[in-house]
PDB file of all heavy atoms in Angstrom:
ATOM      1  N   VAL A   1      -7.310 -17.028   6.167  1.00  0.00           N
ATOM      2  CA  VAL A   1      -6.124 -16.190   6.264  1.00  0.00           C
ATOM      3  C   VAL A   1      -6.087 -15.215   5.094  1.00  0.00           C
ATOM      4  O   VAL A   1      -6.318 -15.619   3.937  1.00  0.00           O
ATOM      5  CB  VAL A   1      -4.831 -17.033   6.271  1.00  0.00           C
ATOM      6  CG1 VAL A   1      -3.611 -16.131   6.504  1.00  0.00           C
ATOM      7  CG2 VAL A   1      -4.895 -18.124   7.336  1.00  0.00           C
ATOM      8  N   TYR A   2      -5.802 -13.948   5.412  1.00  0.00           N
ATOM      9  CA  TYR A   2      -5.709 -12.886   4.411  1.00  0.00           C
ATOM     10  C   TYR A   2      -4.410 -12.106   4.624  1.00  0.00           C
ATOM     11  O   TYR A   2      -3.845 -12.094   5.720  1.00  0.00           O
ATOM     12  CB  TYR A   2      -6.881 -11.909   4.532  1.00  0.00           C
ATOM     13  CG  TYR A   2      -8.246 -12.525   4.357  1.00  0.00           C
ATOM     14  CD1 TYR A   2      -8.924 -13.108   5.440  1.00  0.00           C
ATOM     15  CD2 TYR A   2      -8.880 -12.512   3.124  1.00  0.00           C
ATOM     16  CE1 TYR A   2     -10.187 -13.664   5.285  1.00  0.00           C
ATOM     17  CE2 TYR A   2     -10.153 -13.063   2.958  1.00  0.00           C
ATOM     18  CZ  TYR A   2     -10.795 -13.634   4.041  1.00  0.00           C
ATOM     19  OH  TYR A   2     -12.047 -14.185   3.877  1.00  0.00           O
ATOM     20  N   GLU A   3      -3.980 -11.418   3.573  1.00  0.00           N
ATOM     21  CA  GLU A   3      -2.849 -10.504   3.710  1.00  0.00           C
ATOM     22  C   GLU A   3      -3.365  -9.142   4.160  1.00  0.00           C
ATOM     23  O   GLU A   3      -4.369  -8.640   3.631  1.00  0.00           O
ATOM     24  CB  GLU A   3      -2.111 -10.359   2.386  1.00  0.00           C
ATOM     25  CG  GLU A   3      -0.921  -9.413   2.460  1.00  0.00           C
ATOM     26  CD  GLU A   3      -0.216  -9.215   1.132  1.00  0.00           C
ATOM     27  OE1 GLU A   3      -0.539  -9.934   0.157  1.00  0.00           O
ATOM     28  OE2 GLU A   3       0.651  -8.307   1.048  1.00  0.00           O
ATOM     29  N   MET A   4      -2.711  -8.555   5.143  1.00  0.00           N
ATOM     30  CA  MET A   4      -3.103  -7.234   5.611  1.00  0.00           C
ATOM     31  C   MET A   4      -2.745  -6.176   4.567  1.00  0.00           C
ATOM     32  O   MET A   4      -1.696  -6.260   3.907  1.00  0.00           O
ATOM     33  CB  MET A   4      -2.406  -6.918   6.934  1.00  0.00           C
ATOM     34  CG  MET A   4      -2.909  -7.746   8.105  1.00  0.00           C
ATOM     35  SD  MET A   4      -1.760  -7.785   9.521  1.00  0.00           S
ATOM     36  CE  MET A   4      -1.426  -6.050   9.750  1.00  0.00           C
ATOM     37  N   SER A   5      -3.603  -5.187   4.406  1.00  0.00           N
ATOM     38  CA  SER A   5      -3.339  -4.080   3.470  1.00  0.00           C
ATOM     39  C   SER A   5      -3.088  -2.766   4.211  1.00  0.00           C
ATOM     40  O   SER A   5      -3.010  -1.707   3.611  1.00  0.00           O
ATOM     41  CB  SER A   5      -4.510  -3.910   2.498  1.00  0.00           C
ATOM     42  OG  SER A   5      -5.720  -3.648   3.199  1.00  0.00           O
ATOM     43  N   GLU A   6      -2.974  -2.875   5.533  1.00  0.00           N
ATOM     44  CA  GLU A   6      -2.698  -1.713   6.375  1.00  0.00           C
ATOM     45  C   GLU A   6      -1.645  -2.113   7.399  1.00  0.00           C
ATOM     46  O   GLU A   6      -1.702  -3.198   7.979  1.00  0.00           O
ATOM     47  CB  GLU A   6      -3.977  -1.256   7.081  1.00  0.00           C
ATOM     48  CG  GLU A   6      -3.816  -0.065   7.998  1.00  0.00           C
ATOM     49  CD  GLU A   6      -5.104   0.292   8.725  1.00  0.00           C
ATOM     50  OE1 GLU A   6      -6.184  -0.191   8.307  1.00  0.00           O
ATOM     51  OE2 GLU A   6      -5.026   1.039   9.717  1.00  0.00           O
ATOM     52  N   ARG A   7      -0.685  -1.234   7.620  1.00  0.00           N
ATOM     53  CA  ARG A   7       0.413  -1.566   8.515  1.00  0.00           C
ATOM     54  C   ARG A   7       0.010  -1.348   9.977  1.00  0.00           C
ATOM     55  O   ARG A   7      -0.796  -0.469  10.291  1.00  0.00           O
ATOM     56  CB  ARG A   7       1.640  -0.718   8.177  1.00  0.00           C
ATOM     57  CG  ARG A   7       2.861  -1.104   8.996  1.00  0.00           C
ATOM     58  CD  ARG A   7       4.090  -0.285   8.666  1.00  0.00           C
ATOM     59  NE  ARG A   7       5.099  -0.473   9.711  1.00  0.00           N
ATOM     60  CZ  ARG A   7       6.246   0.156   9.764  1.00  0.00           C
ATOM     61  NH1 ARG A   7       6.570   1.042   8.835  1.00  0.00           N
ATOM     62  NH2 ARG A   7       7.100  -0.081  10.743  1.00  0.00           N
ATOM     63  N   ILE A   8       0.570  -2.163  10.862  1.00  0.00           N
ATOM     64  CA  ILE A   8       0.428  -1.956  12.299  1.00  0.00           C
ATOM     65  C   ILE A   8       1.813  -1.686  12.879  1.00  0.00           C
ATOM     66  O   ILE A   8       2.838  -1.988  12.251  1.00  0.00           O
ATOM     67  CB  ILE A   8      -0.248  -3.160  12.989  1.00  0.00           C
ATOM     68  CG1 ILE A   8       0.529  -4.457  12.737  1.00  0.00           C
ATOM     69  CG2 ILE A   8      -1.680  -3.297  12.518  1.00  0.00           C
ATOM     70  CD1 ILE A   8      -0.059  -5.672  13.444  1.00  0.00           C
ATOM     71  N   PHE A   9       1.853  -1.134  14.101  1.00  0.00           N
ATOM     72  CA  PHE A   9       3.111  -0.636  14.643  1.00  0.00           C
ATOM     73  C   PHE A   9       3.348  -1.193  16.048  1.00  0.00           C
ATOM     74  O   PHE A   9       2.443  -1.225  16.884  1.00  0.00           O
ATOM     75  CB  PHE A   9       3.106   0.896  14.678  1.00  0.00           C
ATOM     76  CG  PHE A   9       2.931   1.514  13.311  1.00  0.00           C
ATOM     77  CD1 PHE A   9       1.658   1.757  12.801  1.00  0.00           C
ATOM     78  CD2 PHE A   9       4.034   1.845  12.534  1.00  0.00           C
ATOM     79  CE1 PHE A   9       1.487   2.318  11.540  1.00  0.00           C
ATOM     80  CE2 PHE A   9       3.876   2.404  11.280  1.00  0.00           C
ATOM     81  CZ  PHE A   9       2.599   2.644  10.774  1.00  0.00           C
ATOM     82  N   ILE A  10       4.585  -1.560  16.305  1.00  0.00           N
ATOM     83  CA  ILE A  10       4.952  -2.167  17.576  1.00  0.00           C
ATOM     84  C   ILE A  10       4.810  -1.202  18.740  1.00  0.00           C
ATOM     85  O   ILE A  10       4.549  -1.605  19.874  1.00  0.00           O
ATOM     86  CB  ILE A  10       6.395  -2.725  17.517  1.00  0.00           C
ATOM     87  CG1 ILE A  10       6.725  -3.566  18.758  1.00  0.00           C
ATOM     88  CG2 ILE A  10       7.393  -1.595  17.339  1.00  0.00           C
ATOM     89  CD1 ILE A  10       5.992  -4.856  18.857  1.00  0.00           C
ATOM     90  N   ASP A  11       4.933   0.100  18.488  1.00  0.00           N
ATOM     91  CA  ASP A  11       4.858   1.081  19.572  1.00  0.00           C
ATOM     92  C   ASP A  11       3.459   1.675  19.724  1.00  0.00           C
ATOM     93  O   ASP A  11       3.271   2.651  20.450  1.00  0.00           O
ATOM     94  CB  ASP A  11       5.887   2.194  19.366  1.00  0.00           C
ATOM     95  CG  ASP A  11       5.734   2.901  18.022  1.00  0.00           C
ATOM     96  OD1 ASP A  11       4.910   2.461  17.198  1.00  0.00           O
ATOM     97  OD2 ASP A  11       6.453   3.893  17.793  1.00  0.00           O
ATOM     98  N   SER A  12       2.465   1.098  19.061  1.00  0.00           N
ATOM     99  CA  SER A  12       1.078   1.555  19.190  1.00  0.00           C
ATOM    100  C   SER A  12       0.293   0.593  20.057  1.00  0.00           C
ATOM    101  O   SER A  12       0.645  -0.579  20.202  1.00  0.00           O
ATOM    102  CB  SER A  12       0.414   1.659  17.815  1.00  0.00           C
ATOM    103  OG  SER A  12       1.043   2.644  17.011  1.00  0.00           O
ATOM    104  N   MET A  13      -0.784   1.107  20.654  1.00  0.00           N
ATOM    105  CA  MET A  13      -1.659   0.260  21.463  1.00  0.00           C
ATOM    106  C   MET A  13      -2.880  -0.138  20.638  1.00  0.00           C
ATOM    107  O   MET A  13      -3.477   0.694  19.947  1.00  0.00           O
ATOM    108  CB  MET A  13      -2.088   0.990  22.737  1.00  0.00           C
ATOM    109  CG  MET A  13      -0.972   1.192  23.738  1.00  0.00           C
ATOM    110  SD  MET A  13      -1.543   1.728  25.377  1.00  0.00           S
ATOM    111  CE  MET A  13      -2.241   3.323  24.966  1.00  0.00           C
ATOM    112  N   TYR A  14      -3.225  -1.409  20.719  1.00  0.00           N
ATOM    113  CA  TYR A  14      -4.386  -1.925  20.004  1.00  0.00           C
ATOM    114  C   TYR A  14      -5.311  -2.637  20.988  1.00  0.00           C
ATOM    115  O   TYR A  14      -4.855  -3.321  21.904  1.00  0.00           O
ATOM    116  CB  TYR A  14      -3.949  -2.893  18.905  1.00  0.00           C
ATOM    117  CG  TYR A  14      -3.112  -2.224  17.827  1.00  0.00           C
ATOM    118  CD1 TYR A  14      -1.723  -2.224  17.906  1.00  0.00           C
ATOM    119  CD2 TYR A  14      -3.709  -1.588  16.744  1.00  0.00           C
ATOM    120  CE1 TYR A  14      -0.946  -1.616  16.932  1.00  0.00           C
ATOM    121  CE2 TYR A  14      -2.944  -0.966  15.767  1.00  0.00           C
ATOM    122  CZ  TYR A  14      -1.564  -0.983  15.864  1.00  0.00           C
ATOM    123  OH  TYR A  14      -0.799  -0.365  14.911  1.00  0.00           O
ATOM    124  N   TYR A  15      -6.605  -2.467  20.750  1.00  0.00           N
ATOM    125  CA  TYR A  15      -7.609  -3.018  21.648  1.00  0.00           C
ATOM    126  C   TYR A  15      -8.476  -4.043  20.930  1.00  0.00           C
ATOM    127  O   TYR A  15      -8.451  -4.161  19.693  1.00  0.00           O
ATOM    128  CB  TYR A  15      -8.461  -1.892  22.231  1.00  0.00           C
ATOM    129  CG  TYR A  15      -7.682  -1.019  23.199  1.00  0.00           C
ATOM    130  CD1 TYR A  15      -6.838  -0.009  22.733  1.00  0.00           C
ATOM    131  CD2 TYR A  15      -7.756  -1.227  24.570  1.00  0.00           C
ATOM    132  CE1 TYR A  15      -6.104   0.776  23.617  1.00  0.00           C
ATOM    133  CE2 TYR A  15      -7.028  -0.458  25.460  1.00  0.00           C
ATOM    134  CZ  TYR A  15      -6.204   0.542  24.975  1.00  0.00           C
ATOM    135  OH  TYR A  15      -5.479   1.302  25.854  1.00  0.00           O
ATOM    136  N   SER A  16      -9.251  -4.757  21.718  1.00  0.00           N
ATOM    137  CA  SER A  16     -10.025  -5.884  21.197  1.00  0.00           C
ATOM    138  C   SER A  16     -11.077  -5.490  20.170  1.00  0.00           C
ATOM    139  O   SER A  16     -11.545  -6.343  19.410  1.00  0.00           O
ATOM    140  CB  SER A  16     -10.693  -6.630  22.352  1.00  0.00           C
ATOM    141  OG  SER A  16     -11.491  -5.741  23.128  1.00  0.00           O
ATOM    142  N   ASN A  17     -11.457  -4.216  20.119  1.00  0.00           N
ATOM    143  CA  ASN A  17     -12.448  -3.773  19.143  1.00  0.00           C
ATOM    144  C   ASN A  17     -11.809  -3.106  17.925  1.00  0.00           C
ATOM    145  O   ASN A  17     -12.499  -2.543  17.083  1.00  0.00           O
ATOM    146  CB  ASN A  17     -13.461  -2.823  19.791  1.00  0.00           C
ATOM    147  CG  ASN A  17     -12.794  -1.607  20.425  1.00  0.00           C
ATOM    148  OD1 ASN A  17     -11.570  -1.471  20.419  1.00  0.00           O
ATOM    149  ND2 ASN A  17     -13.600  -0.709  20.984  1.00  0.00           N
ATOM    150  N   HIS A  18     -10.477  -3.168  17.832  1.00  0.00           N
ATOM    151  CA  HIS A  18      -9.769  -2.522  16.724  1.00  0.00           C
ATOM    152  C   HIS A  18      -9.697  -3.471  15.530  1.00  0.00           C
ATOM    153  O   HIS A  18      -9.517  -4.676  15.694  1.00  0.00           O
ATOM    154  CB  HIS A  18      -8.356  -2.128  17.160  1.00  0.00           C
ATOM    155  CG  HIS A  18      -7.700  -1.142  16.253  1.00  0.00           C
ATOM    156  ND1 HIS A  18      -7.700   0.217  16.480  1.00  0.00           N
ATOM    157  CD2 HIS A  18      -7.021  -1.312  15.090  1.00  0.00           C
ATOM    158  CE1 HIS A  18      -7.056   0.831  15.520  1.00  0.00           C
ATOM    159  NE2 HIS A  18      -6.623  -0.077  14.646  1.00  0.00           N
ATOM    160  N   SER A  19      -9.818  -2.920  14.324  1.00  0.00           N
ATOM    161  CA  SER A  19      -9.713  -3.694  13.092  1.00  0.00           C
ATOM    162  C   SER A  19      -8.718  -3.037  12.154  1.00  0.00           C
ATOM    163  O   SER A  19      -8.482  -1.826  12.229  1.00  0.00           O
ATOM    164  CB  SER A  19     -11.074  -3.811  12.386  1.00  0.00           C
ATOM    165  OG  SER A  19     -12.016  -4.491  13.190  1.00  0.00           O
ATOM    166  N   VAL A  20      -8.145  -3.825  11.265  1.00  0.00           N
ATOM    167  CA  VAL A  20      -7.177  -3.351  10.279  1.00  0.00           C
ATOM    168  C   VAL A  20      -7.610  -3.856   8.905  1.00  0.00           C
ATOM    169  O   VAL A  20      -8.102  -4.979   8.784  1.00  0.00           O
ATOM    170  CB  VAL A  20      -5.753  -3.845  10.624  1.00  0.00           C
ATOM    171  CG1 VAL A  20      -4.783  -3.583   9.491  1.00  0.00           C
ATOM    172  CG2 VAL A  20      -5.247  -3.175  11.891  1.00  0.00           C
ATOM    173  N   ALA A  21      -7.413  -3.042   7.884  1.00  0.00           N
ATOM    174  CA  ALA A  21      -7.811  -3.419   6.531  1.00  0.00           C
ATOM    175  C   ALA A  21      -6.976  -4.597   6.028  1.00  0.00           C
ATOM    176  O   ALA A  21      -5.805  -4.742   6.371  1.00  0.00           O
ATOM    177  CB  ALA A  21      -7.654  -2.224   5.598  1.00  0.00           C
ATOM    178  N   TYR A  22      -7.605  -5.437   5.207  1.00  0.00           N
ATOM    179  CA  TYR A  22      -6.901  -6.576   4.628  1.00  0.00           C
ATOM    180  C   TYR A  22      -7.366  -6.790   3.186  1.00  0.00           C
ATOM    181  O   TYR A  22      -8.430  -6.314   2.774  1.00  0.00           O
ATOM    182  CB  TYR A  22      -7.110  -7.845   5.463  1.00  0.00           C
ATOM    183  CG  TYR A  22      -8.554  -8.245   5.654  1.00  0.00           C
ATOM    184  CD1 TYR A  22      -9.205  -9.115   4.770  1.00  0.00           C
ATOM    185  CD2 TYR A  22      -9.300  -7.752   6.732  1.00  0.00           C
ATOM    186  CE1 TYR A  22     -10.515  -9.486   4.945  1.00  0.00           C
ATOM    187  CE2 TYR A  22     -10.625  -8.118   6.920  1.00  0.00           C
ATOM    188  CZ  TYR A  22     -11.225  -8.991   6.025  1.00  0.00           C
ATOM    189  OH  TYR A  22     -12.537  -9.343   6.197  1.00  0.00           O
ATOM    190  N   GLU A  23      -6.558  -7.497   2.408  1.00  0.00           N
ATOM    191  CA  GLU A  23      -6.862  -7.745   1.000  1.00  0.00           C
ATOM    192  C   GLU A  23      -8.072  -8.666   0.868  1.00  0.00           C
ATOM    193  O   GLU A  23      -8.330  -9.504   1.733  1.00  0.00           O
ATOM    194  CB  GLU A  23      -5.656  -8.383   0.305  1.00  0.00           C
ATOM    195  CG  GLU A  23      -4.368  -7.572   0.373  1.00  0.00           C
ATOM    196  CD  GLU A  23      -4.425  -6.295  -0.464  1.00  0.00           C
ATOM    197  OE1 GLU A  23      -5.381  -6.149  -1.252  1.00  0.00           O
ATOM    198  OE2 GLU A  23      -3.514  -5.461  -0.309  1.00  0.00           O
ATOM    199  N   SER A  24      -8.788  -8.530  -0.227  1.00  0.00           N
ATOM    200  CA  SER A  24      -9.996  -9.332  -0.428  1.00  0.00           C
ATOM    201  C   SER A  24      -9.682 -10.766  -0.857  1.00  0.00           C
ATOM    202  O   SER A  24     -10.485 -11.676  -0.642  1.00  0.00           O
ATOM    203  CB  SER A  24     -10.891  -8.674  -1.475  1.00  0.00           C
ATOM    204  OG  SER A  24     -10.197  -8.539  -2.708  1.00  0.00           O
ATOM    205  N   ASP A  25      -8.507 -10.993  -1.453  1.00  0.00           N
ATOM    206  CA  ASP A  25      -8.151 -12.336  -1.913  1.00  0.00           C
ATOM    207  C   ASP A  25      -7.863 -13.244  -0.725  1.00  0.00           C
ATOM    208  O   ASP A  25      -7.050 -12.923   0.152  1.00  0.00           O
ATOM    209  CB  ASP A  25      -6.930 -12.285  -2.824  1.00  0.00           C
ATOM    210  CG  ASP A  25      -7.223 -11.582  -4.150  1.00  0.00           C
ATOM    211  OD1 ASP A  25      -8.402 -11.531  -4.539  1.00  0.00           O
ATOM    212  OD2 ASP A  25      -6.270 -11.078  -4.779  1.00  0.00           O
ATOM    213  N   LEU A  26      -8.506 -14.399  -0.721  1.00  0.00           N
ATOM    214  CA  LEU A  26      -8.334 -15.362   0.356  1.00  0.00           C
ATOM    215  C   LEU A  26      -7.071 -16.175   0.107  1.00  0.00           C
ATOM    216  O   LEU A  26      -6.917 -16.810  -0.937  1.00  0.00           O
ATOM    217  CB  LEU A  26      -9.558 -16.278   0.415  1.00  0.00           C
ATOM    218  CG  LEU A  26      -9.606 -17.350   1.501  1.00  0.00           C
ATOM    219  CD1 LEU A  26      -9.583 -16.726   2.888  1.00  0.00           C
ATOM    220  CD2 LEU A  26     -10.859 -18.217   1.314  1.00  0.00           C
ATOM    221  N   LEU A  27      -6.168 -16.161   1.078  1.00  0.00           N
ATOM    222  CA  LEU A  27      -4.933 -16.940   0.956  1.00  0.00           C
ATOM    223  C   LEU A  27      -5.149 -18.401   1.305  1.00  0.00           C
ATOM    224  O   LEU A  27      -4.559 -19.298   0.688  1.00  0.00           O
ATOM    225  CB  LEU A  27      -3.843 -16.361   1.864  1.00  0.00           C
ATOM    226  CG  LEU A  27      -3.346 -14.956   1.550  1.00  0.00           C
ATOM    227  CD1 LEU A  27      -2.320 -14.523   2.601  1.00  0.00           C
ATOM    228  CD2 LEU A  27      -2.734 -14.903   0.153  1.00  0.00           C
ATOM    229  N   ALA A  28      -5.963 -18.660   2.327  1.00  0.00           N
ATOM    230  CA  ALA A  28      -6.177 -20.040   2.761  1.00  0.00           C
ATOM    231  C   ALA A  28      -7.473 -20.155   3.535  1.00  0.00           C
ATOM    232  O   ALA A  28      -7.917 -19.192   4.185  1.00  0.00           O
ATOM    233  CB  ALA A  28      -5.014 -20.511   3.622  1.00  0.00           C
ATOM    234  N   GLU A  29      -8.064 -21.334   3.451  1.00  0.00           N
ATOM    235  CA  GLU A  29      -9.228 -21.692   4.266  1.00  0.00           C
ATOM    236  C   GLU A  29      -9.009 -23.116   4.744  1.00  0.00           C
ATOM    237  O   GLU A  29      -8.718 -24.007   3.943  1.00  0.00           O
ATOM    238  CB  GLU A  29     -10.520 -21.582   3.464  1.00  0.00           C
ATOM    239  CG  GLU A  29     -11.760 -21.957   4.257  1.00  0.00           C
ATOM    240  CD  GLU A  29     -13.032 -21.735   3.462  1.00  0.00           C
ATOM    241  OE1 GLU A  29     -13.442 -20.575   3.318  1.00  0.00           O
ATOM    242  OE2 GLU A  29     -13.587 -22.744   2.965  1.00  0.00           O
ATOM    243  N   LYS A  30      -9.153 -23.328   6.050  1.00  0.00           N
ATOM    244  CA  LYS A  30      -8.864 -24.660   6.602  1.00  0.00           C
ATOM    245  C   LYS A  30      -9.905 -25.027   7.643  1.00  0.00           C
ATOM    246  O   LYS A  30     -10.166 -24.247   8.563  1.00  0.00           O
ATOM    247  CB  LYS A  30      -7.471 -24.682   7.223  1.00  0.00           C
ATOM    248  CG  LYS A  30      -7.031 -26.059   7.757  1.00  0.00           C
ATOM    249  CD  LYS A  30      -5.641 -25.966   8.358  1.00  0.00           C
ATOM    250  CE  LYS A  30      -5.145 -27.322   8.870  1.00  0.00           C
ATOM    251  NZ  LYS A  30      -4.799 -28.237   7.765  1.00  0.00           N
ATOM    252  N   THR A  31     -10.495 -26.193   7.494  1.00  0.00           N
ATOM    253  CA  THR A  31     -11.389 -26.744   8.505  1.00  0.00           C
ATOM    254  C   THR A  31     -10.650 -27.887   9.202  1.00  0.00           C
ATOM    255  O   THR A  31     -10.131 -28.791   8.534  1.00  0.00           O
ATOM    256  CB  THR A  31     -12.686 -27.259   7.878  1.00  0.00           C
ATOM    257  OG1 THR A  31     -13.371 -26.163   7.235  1.00  0.00           O
ATOM    258  CG2 THR A  31     -13.598 -27.853   8.937  1.00  0.00           C
ATOM    259  N   PHE A  32     -10.598 -27.850  10.506  1.00  0.00           N
ATOM    260  CA  PHE A  32      -9.820 -28.822  11.253  1.00  0.00           C
ATOM    261  C   PHE A  32     -10.388 -28.970  12.658  1.00  0.00           C
ATOM    262  O   PHE A  32     -11.150 -28.122  13.133  1.00  0.00           O
ATOM    263  CB  PHE A  32      -8.348 -28.382  11.337  1.00  0.00           C
ATOM    264  CG  PHE A  32      -8.147 -27.136  12.151  1.00  0.00           C
ATOM    265  CD1 PHE A  32      -7.648 -27.197  13.454  1.00  0.00           C
ATOM    266  CD2 PHE A  32      -8.480 -25.881  11.641  1.00  0.00           C
ATOM    267  CE1 PHE A  32      -7.472 -26.053  14.218  1.00  0.00           C
ATOM    268  CE2 PHE A  32      -8.312 -24.728  12.399  1.00  0.00           C
ATOM    269  CZ  PHE A  32      -7.803 -24.814  13.687  1.00  0.00           C
ATOM    270  N   THR A  33     -10.013 -30.037  13.324  1.00  0.00           N
ATOM    271  CA  THR A  33     -10.313 -30.223  14.735  1.00  0.00           C
ATOM    272  C   THR A  33      -9.011 -30.041  15.502  1.00  0.00           C
ATOM    273  O   THR A  33      -8.050 -30.789  15.263  1.00  0.00           O
ATOM    274  CB  THR A  33     -10.887 -31.624  15.002  1.00  0.00           C
ATOM    275  OG1 THR A  33     -12.092 -31.793  14.250  1.00  0.00           O
ATOM    276  CG2 THR A  33     -11.186 -31.804  16.479  1.00  0.00           C
ATOM    277  N   PRO A  34      -8.924 -29.071  16.375  1.00  0.00           N
ATOM    278  CA  PRO A  34      -7.668 -28.817  17.093  1.00  0.00           C
ATOM    279  C   PRO A  34      -7.168 -30.075  17.799  1.00  0.00           C
ATOM    280  O   PRO A  34      -7.925 -30.753  18.488  1.00  0.00           O
ATOM    281  CB  PRO A  34      -8.047 -27.730  18.098  1.00  0.00           C
ATOM    282  CG  PRO A  34      -9.230 -27.042  17.472  1.00  0.00           C
ATOM    283  CD  PRO A  34      -9.987 -28.119  16.758  1.00  0.00           C
ATOM    284  N   ASP A  35      -5.906 -30.381  17.592  1.00  0.00           N
ATOM    285  CA  ASP A  35      -5.294 -31.556  18.214  1.00  0.00           C
ATOM    286  C   ASP A  35      -4.041 -31.105  18.952  1.00  0.00           C
ATOM    287  O   ASP A  35      -2.995 -30.870  18.352  1.00  0.00           O
ATOM    288  CB  ASP A  35      -4.940 -32.583  17.138  1.00  0.00           C
ATOM    289  CG  ASP A  35      -4.405 -33.886  17.720  1.00  0.00           C
ATOM    290  OD1 ASP A  35      -4.169 -33.931  18.948  1.00  0.00           O
ATOM    291  OD2 ASP A  35      -4.218 -34.844  16.959  1.00  0.00           O
ATOM    292  N   LEU A  36      -4.161 -31.000  20.255  1.00  0.00           N
ATOM    293  CA  LEU A  36      -3.071 -30.490  21.073  1.00  0.00           C
ATOM    294  C   LEU A  36      -2.210 -31.592  21.677  1.00  0.00           C
ATOM    295  O   LEU A  36      -1.324 -31.321  22.496  1.00  0.00           O
ATOM    296  CB  LEU A  36      -3.615 -29.610  22.206  1.00  0.00           C
ATOM    297  CG  LEU A  36      -4.043 -28.185  21.843  1.00  0.00           C
ATOM    298  CD1 LEU A  36      -5.250 -28.165  20.941  1.00  0.00           C
ATOM    299  CD2 LEU A  36      -4.304 -27.360  23.094  1.00  0.00           C
ATOM    300  N   SER A  37      -2.448 -32.835  21.266  1.00  0.00           N
ATOM    301  CA  SER A  37      -1.730 -33.941  21.894  1.00  0.00           C
ATOM    302  C   SER A  37      -0.912 -34.789  20.929  1.00  0.00           C
ATOM    303  O   SER A  37      -0.056 -35.554  21.366  1.00  0.00           O
ATOM    304  CB  SER A  37      -2.715 -34.844  22.639  1.00  0.00           C
ATOM    305  OG  SER A  37      -3.685 -35.367  21.749  1.00  0.00           O
ATOM    306  N   THR A  38      -1.149 -34.687  19.633  1.00  0.00           N
ATOM    307  CA  THR A  38      -0.474 -35.541  18.663  1.00  0.00           C
ATOM    308  C   THR A  38       0.691 -34.813  18.000  1.00  0.00           C
ATOM    309  O   THR A  38       0.517 -33.716  17.452  1.00  0.00           O
ATOM    310  CB  THR A  38      -1.456 -36.021  17.577  1.00  0.00           C
ATOM    311  OG1 THR A  38      -2.567 -36.670  18.191  1.00  0.00           O
ATOM    312  CG2 THR A  38      -0.767 -36.968  16.615  1.00  0.00           C
TER     313      THR A  38
END
């Protein structure tokens, strides 16, 4: 997880190949096995 350094807008269209700038400092890293039942 990173903090975004570029704003996005609710009235704009974004596509699957679009990217937005983000800060280099890592906020979090988590390794887990998804558990959808517990």
